[in-house]
Structures are given as structure tokens and as C-alpha cells.
């Protein structure tokens, strides 16, 4: 028994050793295969000419030989997309439109996502072999240098080759430079190709870069393309970026296109993209918008521009916008819009201070709307502070407006508190209307919790009886008879 036990122990040990060696060998193989694909930096010491000249494949076999001078400092980054809700909504809208258009343009048997893939020839792979080797990290400087001499018709093929590489920040930068080169050689082809890309992020990157670069370098050609799409009933894709590029080369033309639009919201989104796309540009952008306001004679345009200027100024100094409003007495609608915008911005940061200032003023036309928006921000950021203000404030229309705003904010997430706050409203008719709006929704969402609160609230007895009939389960006795039973006629 002892010998057999020793033999078993020896046999098991050998198997463990063999198994362990096998696992280590497999890990080593995977490391060798995958390790070289990691991005370990690029060799940027050589010049573009040196990089292009040491390739084993003749460059003349794959490029047209027409070099162009590229200055990477003359164009805006494709990532500098305009800030602001309207501009963001604008981008999302035309992205969805693009997806629909691309789907309609693609063959019925081919999905949009499969249009990304273009077969890469062996000759092109060999041409970019030094930049994108089968083993080792990509050299993006070399790739960009080589792509400058690439025949324009080969850019889709090169794009697919580019997409085979692992993601990195360096790759993102190379993609932008690659698209800039493509759009400088054949912008319309770059845009047409972009519309077939399945990835919305990549599609947006190519469209944004191509349209802006084209409008910056060749405003006349880009404008002809823009009008051509509109004439054909197609959406002017990448519109905000196209207008950014056009404004850089032909500002009057860009603004004229914006003012030709009928949709004020669309106009505002595009103006934000041009003048308020980054925090650093806000002061200068507001000054340009203010100049447009001074020159405009259209009432709707003036109100929109005034709101944009006031909102930009009020983000740092609400009193600056309010002081400007005092100069607009001849335009009461515009003046009211400026004050409202300033107070809304102020109320988002310092609702208590903004409310205190507002109550000291005599602004009958503005105060109710402004109070409502200030209270809305206050309710979100410091509801306890708002309710304390309500308890201490004297009965007034302003106090009722604050209560109404707070209740509207609370009734979905805290109906019990909303009902108690609504009871504090001074105006009796509005108080019961507000309480009913809370009760009606609360009953639908949580009947068990709503019942005792509603029946013990300060509602009139007639209202309570109405709700009691809704709250008491069918079949339960009410006043000596079951709910749902008809009252027997007296004999």
C-alpha cells in the first residue's frame, strides 16, 4: 500500500508539471501574437519625404503624384462641436436624418453598417506597410505622410485599412488629418462615403471635418453643393459645421444662409454653434451677437438675439444683463425677455438672492414667469430652503406662484409633501385646483398611500366625498350599504 501510494503521488506531480508548462507556453504565444499590436508610440523624427522614400513599393503605382500643401493650423478640430442644447439637438436631428437617407440609398440587400467595409488590395497594404505593419505599433506620422500622395480614388480603401487598427488617441488624431486630406482632394466623395458609414460616431466625424474643411478652403464650390442638395430636396448634412467653415471664409454669406431660414430655433442653434461653441469664446461671441441685435430690424430676430446675449452675460453677471434691459424701454417685449433670461440664469445659481431682488422690484409683467422659473430651480436644488421661505413669507400672488411651481416639481416624486405644500396656497380656488391635480395623479399611482392623506387633508368635505368613492374598494359598505349598490326607492 505504501509503494502504490508513492507511485500515485509521483504520477500526479508529473501531470501537474506538464499541464503547467503547457499553460505557460500558450500564454507566451498569445503575448507574442498580441503584444506587437499595442500602440507604443510613433517614430516622428524623420521628415515626410524620408518616410515616403524608404518604402519597398513604388509610390507611383498607387498615387497620382499631385501633392498639396497642408497646414494643420488653418482648420478647426472636428471635435470642437458647438455647445448648447439647441446645437446638440440639431446635431442629433441631422444624424437621424442621415441614417434614414443612408438606409434609403443603400441596396435593399445590404445594410448600412456593411457599407463601411471596402476590400483593401495587397498593393495598398504594401504601400502603407511601413506605417501600418502586420506586427508592431502603427506609425501615424508615416501614415499621414504617405496618404498625402495617395490617389483620391483610393481613400475609401485606405479608410478601411485605417479602421483595422486598434483604437488610441493617436489614431483619432490621424483619422481627422486623414479626412482633412481627403476633403481637400475630393470633398464631395468624402461626404458621399461618410453617408454610408454605419457607425454614427465615425459618420459624424467624417461629415463634420469634410464639410467644414470644404467650406473653409473652397466656399464657392461648397456653397454650390449646399444649394444643390436643397434643390434636390435633400437635407444639407453637416450644416452647422458647413456654416462654421463658410463663416471663416465668407462670413456674410454664412449669416445670410442662417437668416434665410424660417425656423427661429434652428437659427438660434446655428448661431450658438458659430459664436458660443466654447466657454472661452463666450464674451467675444456675445459681442458679435449684440452687434447683430443693434443692426437687426426684425422683431423676432431682435428678441432671439437679445435672449442669447442676456443668457451669455447672465451666466457670469446677471446684473449686467438686467442693466442692459433698462436701455430697452422702447421694446417692452424684448426688455421682458432679457430680464426673464437673466433671472432664470441667476435663479439657477442663487435662487434665494434672485428672488429677494425680484420682490424688491416692480415688474408686474415679468415677475410671475420669473418667479415660477426661479422657484423651479430652487425646488430642485434646495427644496427645504424653499419651503422655509414659503412658511415665513406673507400671503401674496408671488408666494402662491412659488408654491405652484414647487408642487408641480414635487407631485411626481413626493406627492405627500406636494399635497401638504399645496394646502398653504392663499387663493382658495387655486389651492383646491392644485390639491386636486396632486390627488388625481397620486390615486392612479398609489391608491393605498393616497387614501389616508387625501381624506385627512384640508380639502372641503364635498371634494373628500368625491375622492372617498374612488378610494373605497367596490363591495365595501359605505353608510350602511355596499359601494356600487343602487339605493332602493322608498315605498
Protein backbone atom coordinates (compact mmCIF):
# COMPACT_ATOMS: atom_id res chain seq x y z
CA UNK A 1 0.00 0.00 0.00
CA UNK A 2 2.81 2.39 0.80
CA UNK A 3 4.59 1.86 -2.55
CA UNK A 4 1.35 2.28 -4.53
CA UNK A 5 0.61 5.48 -2.69
CA UNK A 6 4.06 6.86 -3.52
CA UNK A 7 3.66 5.94 -7.20
CA UNK A 8 0.35 7.72 -7.35
CA UNK A 9 1.85 10.82 -5.83
CA UNK A 10 4.73 10.80 -8.33
CA UNK A 11 2.36 10.34 -11.31
CA UNK A 12 0.12 13.21 -10.26
CA UNK A 13 3.07 15.54 -9.78
CA UNK A 14 4.35 14.89 -13.29
CA UNK A 15 0.93 15.63 -14.80
CA UNK A 16 0.75 18.89 -12.91
CA UNK A 17 4.19 19.88 -14.20
CA UNK A 18 3.30 19.06 -17.81
CA UNK A 19 -0.03 20.90 -17.51
CA UNK A 20 1.62 23.96 -16.00
CA UNK A 21 4.31 24.10 -18.69
CA UNK A 22 1.64 23.86 -21.39
CA UNK A 23 -0.35 26.75 -19.92
CA UNK A 24 2.78 28.94 -19.67
CA UNK A 25 3.68 28.15 -23.29
CA UNK A 26 0.19 29.10 -24.50
CA UNK A 27 0.28 32.41 -22.60
CA UNK A 28 3.70 33.17 -24.12
CA UNK A 29 2.34 32.52 -27.63
CA UNK A 30 -0.62 34.88 -27.06
CA UNK A 31 1.69 37.59 -25.70
CA UNK A 32 3.95 37.30 -28.75
CA UNK A 33 0.99 37.46 -31.14
CA UNK A 34 -0.93 40.28 -29.48
CA UNK A 35 1.82 42.30 -27.88
CA UNK A 36 3.21 43.95 -31.03
CA UNK A 37 -0.23 45.31 -31.90
CA UNK A 38 -0.20 47.67 -28.92
CA UNK A 39 0.34 51.30 -29.68
CA UNK A 40 3.75 52.12 -28.25
CA UNK A 41 4.21 55.47 -29.89
CA UNK A 42 5.37 56.61 -33.29
CA UNK A 43 8.63 57.45 -34.88
CA UNK A 44 8.22 61.11 -35.73
CA UNK A 45 11.86 62.00 -36.14
CA UNK A 46 12.05 61.51 -39.92
CA UNK A 47 10.72 64.02 -42.40
CA UNK A 48 7.73 63.30 -44.64
CA UNK A 49 9.95 62.90 -47.68
CA UNK A 50 12.24 60.45 -45.88
CA UNK A 51 9.27 58.46 -44.67
CA UNK A 52 7.80 58.16 -48.14
CA UNK A 53 11.06 57.34 -49.89
CA UNK A 54 12.13 54.27 -47.90
CA UNK A 55 9.12 52.10 -48.79
CA UNK A 56 9.67 48.94 -50.75
CA UNK A 57 6.70 49.60 -53.05
CA UNK A 58 6.96 52.35 -55.63
CA UNK A 59 4.77 55.25 -54.66
CA UNK A 60 3.96 56.00 -58.31
CA UNK A 61 1.93 52.80 -58.53
CA UNK A 62 -0.68 53.97 -56.03
CA UNK A 63 -0.71 57.78 -56.02
CA UNK A 64 -1.48 60.38 -58.60
CA UNK A 65 1.61 62.46 -57.83
CA UNK A 66 -0.34 65.65 -57.14
CA UNK A 67 0.93 66.81 -53.75
CA UNK A 68 -0.85 69.59 -51.92
CA UNK A 69 0.36 71.85 -49.16
CA UNK A 70 -1.41 71.04 -45.92
CA UNK A 71 -1.28 73.39 -42.97
CA UNK A 72 -2.79 71.79 -39.89
CA UNK A 73 -3.26 75.15 -38.24
CA UNK A 74 -5.85 76.61 -40.60
CA UNK A 75 -8.83 74.42 -39.73
CA UNK A 76 -10.86 73.86 -36.62
CA UNK A 77 -10.90 70.46 -34.97
CA UNK A 78 -13.84 68.23 -35.82
CA UNK A 79 -14.27 67.65 -32.10
CA UNK A 80 -14.99 71.36 -31.48
CA UNK A 81 -18.72 70.81 -31.82
CA UNK A 82 -20.90 73.62 -30.59
CA UNK A 83 -22.09 73.59 -27.01
CA UNK A 84 -25.69 74.38 -26.08
CA UNK A 85 -28.86 72.33 -26.07
CA UNK A 86 -30.18 73.60 -29.38
CA UNK A 87 -26.96 72.84 -31.22
CA UNK A 88 -26.81 69.37 -29.68
CA UNK A 89 -30.42 68.72 -30.63
CA UNK A 90 -29.63 69.97 -34.11
CA UNK A 91 -26.77 67.50 -34.48
CA UNK A 92 -28.92 64.60 -33.28
CA UNK A 93 -31.67 65.55 -35.72
CA UNK A 94 -29.48 65.57 -38.79
CA UNK A 95 -27.73 62.38 -37.62
CA UNK A 96 -31.11 60.65 -37.59
CA UNK A 97 -31.92 62.13 -40.99
CA UNK A 98 -28.60 60.85 -42.32
CA UNK A 99 -29.30 57.35 -41.06
CA UNK A 100 -32.66 57.33 -42.83
CA UNK A 101 -31.18 58.76 -46.01
CA UNK A 102 -28.29 56.30 -45.99
CA UNK A 103 -30.72 53.44 -45.49
CA UNK A 104 -32.77 54.60 -48.50
CA UNK A 105 -29.68 54.99 -50.67
CA UNK A 106 -28.20 51.56 -49.79
CA UNK A 107 -29.19 48.49 -51.83
CA UNK A 108 -32.13 46.60 -50.39
CA UNK A 109 -30.00 43.51 -49.76
CA UNK A 110 -27.20 45.40 -47.97
CA UNK A 111 -27.47 47.03 -44.56
CA UNK A 112 -25.92 50.45 -43.99
CA UNK A 113 -23.42 49.00 -41.50
CA UNK A 114 -21.89 46.73 -44.15
CA UNK A 115 -21.08 49.70 -46.39
CA UNK A 116 -18.09 50.52 -44.16
CA UNK A 117 -16.05 47.61 -45.48
CA UNK A 118 -14.03 48.18 -48.65
CA UNK A 119 -11.69 45.42 -49.78
CA UNK A 120 -8.10 46.54 -49.33
CA UNK A 121 -5.77 45.47 -52.13
CA UNK A 122 -2.40 43.90 -51.46
CA UNK A 123 -0.66 46.75 -53.27
CA UNK A 124 -2.12 49.37 -50.92
CA UNK A 125 -1.29 47.24 -47.89
CA UNK A 126 2.29 47.05 -49.06
CA UNK A 127 2.37 50.80 -49.69
CA UNK A 128 1.32 51.51 -46.11
CA UNK A 129 3.31 48.58 -44.75
CA UNK A 130 5.96 50.74 -43.08
CA UNK A 131 3.25 52.82 -41.37
CA UNK A 132 0.82 50.02 -40.52
CA UNK A 133 2.96 46.91 -40.18
CA UNK A 134 1.44 43.50 -39.56
CA UNK A 135 3.50 43.38 -36.37
CA UNK A 136 4.38 46.40 -34.28
CA UNK A 137 2.73 49.68 -33.41
CA UNK A 138 1.25 51.94 -36.11
CA UNK A 139 3.34 54.93 -37.10
CA UNK A 140 0.67 57.56 -37.63
CA UNK A 141 3.08 60.29 -38.78
CA UNK A 142 4.26 58.00 -41.55
CA UNK A 143 0.68 57.04 -42.43
CA UNK A 144 -0.36 60.69 -42.84
CA UNK A 145 2.78 61.47 -44.86
CA UNK A 146 2.06 58.59 -47.23
CA UNK A 147 -1.64 59.38 -47.55
CA UNK A 148 -0.81 62.86 -48.82
CA UNK A 149 0.36 61.32 -52.09
CA UNK A 150 -2.47 58.82 -52.34
CA UNK A 151 -4.70 58.80 -55.41
CA UNK A 152 -8.08 60.32 -54.47
CA UNK A 153 -9.93 57.20 -55.61
CA UNK A 154 -8.05 55.06 -53.09
CA UNK A 155 -9.16 56.96 -49.99
CA UNK A 156 -12.13 54.64 -49.26
CA UNK A 157 -9.77 51.68 -49.42
CA UNK A 158 -7.28 53.45 -47.15
CA UNK A 159 -10.11 54.27 -44.74
CA UNK A 160 -10.89 50.57 -44.32
CA UNK A 161 -7.22 49.87 -43.74
CA UNK A 162 -7.16 52.60 -41.13
CA UNK A 163 -10.17 51.13 -39.33
CA UNK A 164 -8.38 47.80 -38.90
CA UNK A 165 -6.00 49.39 -36.40
CA UNK A 166 -6.68 49.31 -32.64
CA UNK A 167 -8.17 52.42 -31.11
CA UNK A 168 -5.96 55.05 -29.50
CA UNK A 169 -6.00 58.82 -29.12
CA UNK A 170 -3.24 59.00 -31.69
CA UNK A 171 -5.45 57.10 -34.12
CA UNK A 172 -8.30 59.58 -33.57
CA UNK A 173 -5.97 62.44 -34.46
CA UNK A 174 -4.76 60.55 -37.53
CA UNK A 175 -8.36 59.96 -38.64
CA UNK A 176 -9.07 63.68 -38.54
CA UNK A 177 -5.92 64.55 -40.51
CA UNK A 178 -6.72 61.78 -43.00
CA UNK A 179 -10.24 63.14 -43.56
CA UNK A 180 -8.86 66.67 -43.95
CA UNK A 181 -6.59 65.43 -46.72
CA UNK A 182 -9.42 63.52 -48.35
CA UNK A 183 -11.76 66.50 -48.25
CA UNK A 184 -9.05 68.73 -49.72
CA UNK A 185 -8.67 66.37 -52.67
CA UNK A 186 -12.27 65.31 -53.27
CA UNK A 187 -14.65 66.68 -50.60
CA UNK A 188 -17.86 65.55 -52.26
CA UNK A 189 -16.57 61.97 -52.48
CA UNK A 190 -15.59 62.09 -48.81
CA UNK A 191 -19.09 63.29 -47.86
CA UNK A 192 -20.80 60.70 -50.04
CA UNK A 193 -18.68 57.96 -48.49
CA UNK A 194 -19.36 59.26 -44.98
CA UNK A 195 -23.09 58.89 -45.50
CA UNK A 196 -22.64 55.13 -45.96
CA UNK A 197 -20.67 54.62 -42.72
CA UNK A 198 -22.63 52.54 -40.23
CA UNK A 199 -21.06 53.96 -37.07
CA UNK A 200 -22.82 57.22 -36.19
CA UNK A 201 -19.72 58.49 -34.35
CA UNK A 202 -17.43 57.88 -37.33
CA UNK A 203 -20.03 59.20 -39.75
CA UNK A 204 -20.30 62.42 -37.77
CA UNK A 205 -16.51 62.78 -37.56
CA UNK A 206 -16.05 62.46 -41.32
CA UNK A 207 -19.03 64.66 -42.21
CA UNK A 208 -18.12 67.38 -39.72
CA UNK A 209 -14.50 67.52 -40.81
CA UNK A 210 -15.18 67.24 -44.54
CA UNK A 211 -17.97 69.84 -44.74
CA UNK A 212 -16.15 72.38 -42.59
CA UNK A 213 -12.84 71.92 -44.45
CA UNK A 214 -14.53 72.22 -47.85
CA UNK A 215 -16.42 75.39 -46.92
CA UNK A 216 -13.23 76.91 -45.49
CA UNK A 217 -10.99 76.14 -48.47
CA UNK A 218 -13.49 76.43 -51.32
CA UNK A 219 -16.57 78.41 -50.25
CA UNK A 220 -17.96 78.74 -53.78
CA UNK A 221 -17.75 75.02 -54.50
CA UNK A 222 -19.14 74.08 -51.11
CA UNK A 223 -21.98 76.58 -51.47
CA UNK A 224 -22.90 75.13 -54.86
CA UNK A 225 -23.04 71.65 -53.29
CA UNK A 226 -25.16 73.00 -50.41
CA UNK A 227 -27.71 74.63 -52.73
CA UNK A 228 -27.70 71.56 -54.97
CA UNK A 229 -28.78 69.32 -52.13
CA UNK A 230 -31.57 71.71 -51.18
CA UNK A 231 -32.73 71.90 -54.81
CA UNK A 232 -32.86 68.09 -54.90
CA UNK A 233 -34.95 68.03 -51.74
CA UNK A 234 -32.12 66.59 -49.61
CA UNK A 235 -31.04 67.67 -46.15
CA UNK A 236 -27.85 69.81 -46.07
CA UNK A 237 -25.85 67.32 -44.00
CA UNK A 238 -23.31 68.62 -41.51
CA UNK A 239 -24.98 72.01 -41.68
CA UNK A 240 -23.57 73.52 -38.51
CA UNK A 241 -20.01 72.53 -39.43
CA UNK A 242 -20.51 73.63 -43.02
CA UNK A 243 -21.60 77.06 -41.78
CA UNK A 244 -18.65 77.26 -39.39
CA UNK A 245 -16.28 76.74 -42.30
CA UNK A 246 -18.25 79.11 -44.51
CA UNK A 247 -18.24 81.79 -41.81
CA UNK A 248 -14.44 81.53 -41.62
CA UNK A 249 -14.11 82.19 -45.36
CA UNK A 250 -17.27 84.16 -46.23
CA UNK A 251 -18.97 85.39 -43.04
CA UNK A 252 -21.65 87.49 -44.74
CA UNK A 253 -22.70 84.55 -46.90
CA UNK A 254 -22.90 82.24 -43.89
CA UNK A 255 -25.08 84.65 -41.92
CA UNK A 256 -27.30 85.26 -44.94
CA UNK A 257 -27.99 81.50 -45.15
CA UNK A 258 -28.97 81.44 -41.48
CA UNK A 259 -31.29 84.42 -41.78
CA UNK A 260 -32.98 82.87 -44.81
CA UNK A 261 -34.30 80.03 -42.62
CA UNK A 262 -37.85 80.17 -41.29
CA UNK A 263 -37.24 78.28 -38.05
CA UNK A 264 -36.07 80.60 -35.25
CA UNK A 265 -35.00 77.69 -33.08
CA UNK A 266 -32.87 76.37 -35.92
CA UNK A 267 -31.34 79.81 -36.39
CA UNK A 268 -30.52 80.06 -32.70
CA UNK A 269 -28.85 76.64 -32.68
CA UNK A 270 -26.65 77.53 -35.63
CA UNK A 271 -25.73 80.93 -34.19
CA UNK A 272 -24.73 79.23 -30.95
CA UNK A 273 -22.54 76.86 -32.94
CA UNK A 274 -20.83 79.81 -34.63
CA UNK A 275 -20.38 82.20 -31.71
CA UNK A 276 -20.84 80.33 -28.42
CA UNK A 277 -19.28 76.94 -29.11
CA UNK A 278 -16.82 77.13 -26.22
CA UNK A 279 -16.65 78.88 -22.88
CA UNK A 280 -13.56 80.81 -23.93
CA UNK A 281 -15.42 82.36 -26.87
CA UNK A 282 -18.50 83.48 -24.95
CA UNK A 283 -17.51 87.10 -24.38
CA UNK A 284 -16.43 87.69 -27.96
CA UNK A 285 -19.39 85.75 -29.30
CA UNK A 286 -21.85 87.73 -27.19
CA UNK A 287 -20.32 90.97 -28.50
CA UNK A 288 -20.86 89.80 -32.10
CA UNK A 289 -24.44 88.80 -31.36
CA UNK A 290 -25.01 92.17 -29.69
CA UNK A 291 -23.77 93.89 -32.87
CA UNK A 292 -26.26 91.86 -34.91
CA UNK A 293 -29.00 92.84 -32.48
CA UNK A 294 -28.16 96.53 -32.92
CA UNK A 295 -28.34 96.21 -36.72
CA UNK A 296 -31.39 93.98 -36.98
CA UNK A 297 -34.81 95.45 -37.67
CA UNK A 298 -36.77 92.20 -37.47
CA UNK A 299 -38.67 91.96 -34.13
CA UNK A 300 -38.40 88.16 -33.87
CA UNK A 301 -34.68 88.25 -34.63
CA UNK A 302 -34.10 91.01 -32.12
CA UNK A 303 -35.88 89.10 -29.37
CA UNK A 304 -33.92 85.92 -30.13
CA UNK A 305 -30.57 87.73 -30.24
CA UNK A 306 -31.38 89.65 -27.05
CA UNK A 307 -32.14 86.40 -25.26
CA UNK A 308 -28.83 84.87 -26.38
CA UNK A 309 -26.82 87.91 -25.33
CA UNK A 310 -28.58 88.18 -21.97
CA UNK A 311 -28.13 84.49 -21.24
CA UNK A 312 -24.41 84.66 -22.02
CA UNK A 313 -23.82 87.74 -19.87
CA UNK A 314 -26.01 86.50 -17.01
CA UNK A 315 -24.01 83.28 -16.73
CA UNK A 316 -21.27 85.38 -15.10
CA UNK A 317 -23.05 88.59 -14.08
CA UNK A 318 -26.88 88.68 -14.14
CA UNK A 319 -26.94 92.35 -13.17
CA UNK A 320 -25.08 93.19 -16.37
CA UNK A 321 -27.94 91.77 -18.40
CA UNK A 322 -30.55 93.43 -16.18
CA UNK A 323 -28.78 96.78 -16.55
CA UNK A 324 -28.91 96.36 -20.33
CA UNK A 325 -32.65 95.71 -20.08
CA UNK A 326 -33.12 99.22 -18.67
CA UNK A 327 -31.95 100.55 -22.06
CA UNK A 328 -34.73 98.70 -23.89
CA UNK A 329 -37.77 100.58 -22.61
CA UNK A 330 -38.95 101.25 -26.17
CA UNK A 331 -39.22 97.50 -26.78
CA UNK A 332 -41.16 96.07 -23.79
CA UNK A 333 -41.31 92.55 -25.23
CA UNK A 334 -37.54 92.43 -25.73
CA UNK A 335 -36.95 94.05 -22.35
CA UNK A 336 -39.13 91.44 -20.65
CA UNK A 337 -37.28 88.63 -22.44
CA UNK A 338 -33.89 89.98 -21.32
CA UNK A 339 -34.98 90.27 -17.67
CA UNK A 340 -36.56 86.81 -17.74
CA UNK A 341 -33.43 85.26 -19.20
CA UNK A 342 -31.19 86.99 -16.66
CA UNK A 343 -33.39 85.95 -13.73
CA UNK A 344 -33.61 82.35 -14.91
CA UNK A 345 -29.82 82.16 -15.12
CA UNK A 346 -29.45 83.88 -11.74
CA UNK A 347 -32.11 81.66 -10.21
CA UNK A 348 -30.27 78.51 -11.22
CA UNK A 349 -27.24 79.57 -9.17
CA UNK A 350 -28.61 81.76 -6.37
CA UNK A 351 -32.40 81.34 -6.24
CA UNK A 352 -32.80 82.97 -2.83
CA UNK A 353 -30.84 86.08 -3.81
CA UNK A 354 -32.57 86.29 -7.17
CA UNK A 355 -35.99 86.02 -5.51
CA UNK A 356 -35.12 88.67 -2.94
CA UNK A 357 -34.04 91.09 -5.69
CA UNK A 358 -37.13 90.36 -7.76
CA UNK A 359 -39.53 91.04 -4.87
CA UNK A 360 -37.95 94.46 -4.37
CA UNK A 361 -38.74 95.44 -7.97
CA UNK A 362 -41.98 96.50 -9.59
CA UNK A 363 -42.10 94.22 -12.60
CA UNK A 364 -45.75 93.21 -12.98
CA UNK A 365 -45.38 91.78 -16.49
CA UNK A 366 -42.21 89.84 -15.76
CA UNK A 367 -42.44 88.81 -12.15
CA UNK A 368 -44.88 85.88 -12.35
CA UNK A 369 -42.96 84.00 -15.04
CA UNK A 370 -39.60 84.83 -13.50
CA UNK A 371 -40.77 83.78 -10.02
CA UNK A 372 -42.01 80.47 -11.42
CA UNK A 373 -38.65 79.66 -13.05
CA UNK A 374 -36.63 80.75 -10.03
CA UNK A 375 -38.81 78.61 -7.78
CA UNK A 376 -38.38 75.67 -10.15
CA UNK A 377 -34.58 75.84 -9.80
CA UNK A 378 -34.89 76.44 -6.06
CA UNK A 379 -37.19 73.43 -5.71
CA UNK A 380 -34.66 71.21 -7.44
CA UNK A 381 -31.53 72.42 -5.65
CA UNK A 382 -32.75 73.34 -2.15
CA UNK A 383 -36.37 72.28 -1.54
CA UNK A 384 -36.06 72.62 2.24
CA UNK A 385 -34.90 76.23 1.87
CA UNK A 386 -37.78 76.99 -0.47
CA UNK A 387 -40.37 75.55 1.94
CA UNK A 388 -38.88 77.59 4.77
CA UNK A 389 -39.25 80.71 2.64
CA UNK A 390 -42.91 79.79 1.97
CA UNK A 391 -43.62 79.40 5.70
CA UNK A 392 -42.12 82.79 6.52
CA UNK A 393 -43.42 84.77 3.51
CA UNK A 394 -46.58 86.84 3.78
CA UNK A 395 -49.57 85.72 1.68
CA UNK A 396 -49.28 87.15 -1.83
CA UNK A 397 -49.51 86.26 -5.51
CA UNK A 398 -45.73 85.76 -5.54
CA UNK A 399 -45.92 83.28 -2.68
CA UNK A 400 -48.71 81.39 -4.45
CA UNK A 401 -46.62 81.25 -7.64
CA UNK A 402 -43.70 79.78 -5.70
CA UNK A 403 -46.00 77.19 -4.13
CA UNK A 404 -47.48 76.24 -7.50
CA UNK A 405 -44.02 75.80 -9.03
CA UNK A 406 -42.81 73.71 -6.10
CA UNK A 407 -45.91 71.49 -6.14
CA UNK A 408 -45.56 70.88 -9.87
CA UNK A 409 -42.00 69.75 -9.24
CA UNK A 410 -42.92 67.55 -6.25
CA UNK A 411 -46.13 65.85 -7.30
CA UNK A 412 -44.40 63.11 -9.31
CA UNK A 413 -41.65 62.19 -6.85
CA UNK A 414 -43.16 63.18 -3.46
CA UNK A 415 -46.95 63.59 -3.69
CA UNK A 416 -47.42 63.54 0.10
CA UNK A 417 -45.26 66.65 0.53
CA UNK A 418 -46.77 68.21 -2.58
CA UNK A 419 -50.26 67.89 -1.09
CA UNK A 420 -49.18 69.49 2.21
CA UNK A 421 -47.45 72.37 0.40
CA UNK A 422 -50.46 72.93 -1.86
CA UNK A 423 -52.63 73.46 1.24
CA UNK A 424 -50.61 76.61 2.02
CA UNK A 425 -51.72 78.46 -1.12
CA UNK A 426 -53.63 81.66 -0.32
CA UNK A 427 -56.03 81.73 -3.27
CA UNK A 428 -58.77 79.27 -2.33
CA UNK A 429 -59.85 78.39 -5.85
CA UNK A 430 -56.26 77.81 -7.00
CA UNK A 431 -55.46 75.92 -3.79
CA UNK A 432 -58.15 73.28 -4.32
CA UNK A 433 -57.34 73.04 -8.03
CA UNK A 434 -53.69 72.40 -7.18
CA UNK A 435 -54.56 69.85 -4.49
CA UNK A 436 -56.84 68.02 -6.92
CA UNK A 437 -54.06 67.78 -9.51
CA UNK A 438 -51.85 66.09 -6.91
CA UNK A 439 -54.60 63.81 -5.59
CA UNK A 440 -55.75 62.66 -9.04
CA UNK A 441 -52.30 61.50 -10.04
CA UNK A 442 -51.46 60.02 -6.64
CA UNK A 443 -54.59 57.85 -6.67
CA UNK A 444 -53.63 56.42 -10.04
CA UNK A 445 -50.06 55.60 -8.97
CA UNK A 446 -50.50 54.50 -5.31
CA UNK A 447 -54.08 54.24 -4.09
CA UNK A 448 -53.18 52.74 -0.69
CA UNK A 449 -50.82 55.59 0.26
CA UNK A 450 -53.03 58.30 -1.25
CA UNK A 451 -56.24 57.38 0.60
CA UNK A 452 -55.42 58.40 4.18
CA UNK A 453 -53.52 61.55 3.13
CA UNK A 454 -56.31 62.82 0.89
CA UNK A 455 -59.10 62.08 3.36
CA UNK A 456 -57.24 63.80 6.21
CA UNK A 457 -56.20 66.84 4.15
CA UNK A 458 -57.74 70.31 4.23
CA UNK A 459 -59.97 69.69 1.22
CA UNK A 460 -63.64 70.67 1.50
CA UNK A 461 -65.95 67.84 2.54
CA UNK A 462 -67.57 67.72 -0.90
CA UNK A 463 -64.17 67.04 -2.52
CA UNK A 464 -63.35 64.42 0.09
CA UNK A 465 -66.62 62.59 -0.58
CA UNK A 466 -65.81 62.52 -4.27
CA UNK A 467 -62.39 61.01 -3.60
CA UNK A 468 -63.81 58.65 -0.96
CA UNK A 469 -65.98 56.99 -3.60
CA UNK A 470 -62.86 56.44 -5.73
CA UNK A 471 -60.73 55.21 -2.84
CA UNK A 472 -63.08 52.77 -1.13
CA UNK A 473 -62.89 49.32 -2.77
CA UNK A 474 -66.01 48.11 -4.56
CA UNK A 475 -68.13 45.92 -2.29
CA UNK A 476 -67.13 47.68 0.94
CA UNK A 477 -70.01 49.18 2.92
CA UNK A 478 -70.37 52.96 2.79
CA UNK A 479 -73.06 54.47 5.00
CA UNK A 480 -74.77 51.12 5.64
CA UNK A 481 -74.73 49.87 2.03
CA UNK A 482 -72.16 48.40 -0.32
CA UNK A 483 -70.37 50.62 -2.79
CA UNK A 484 -71.92 50.08 -6.18
CA UNK A 485 -75.36 49.13 -4.86
CA UNK A 486 -78.23 51.26 -6.04
CA UNK A 487 -80.27 52.98 -3.38
CA UNK A 488 -83.68 51.28 -3.03
CA UNK A 489 -86.65 53.60 -3.61
CA UNK A 490 -88.77 54.28 -0.55
CA UNK A 491 -92.17 52.59 -0.55
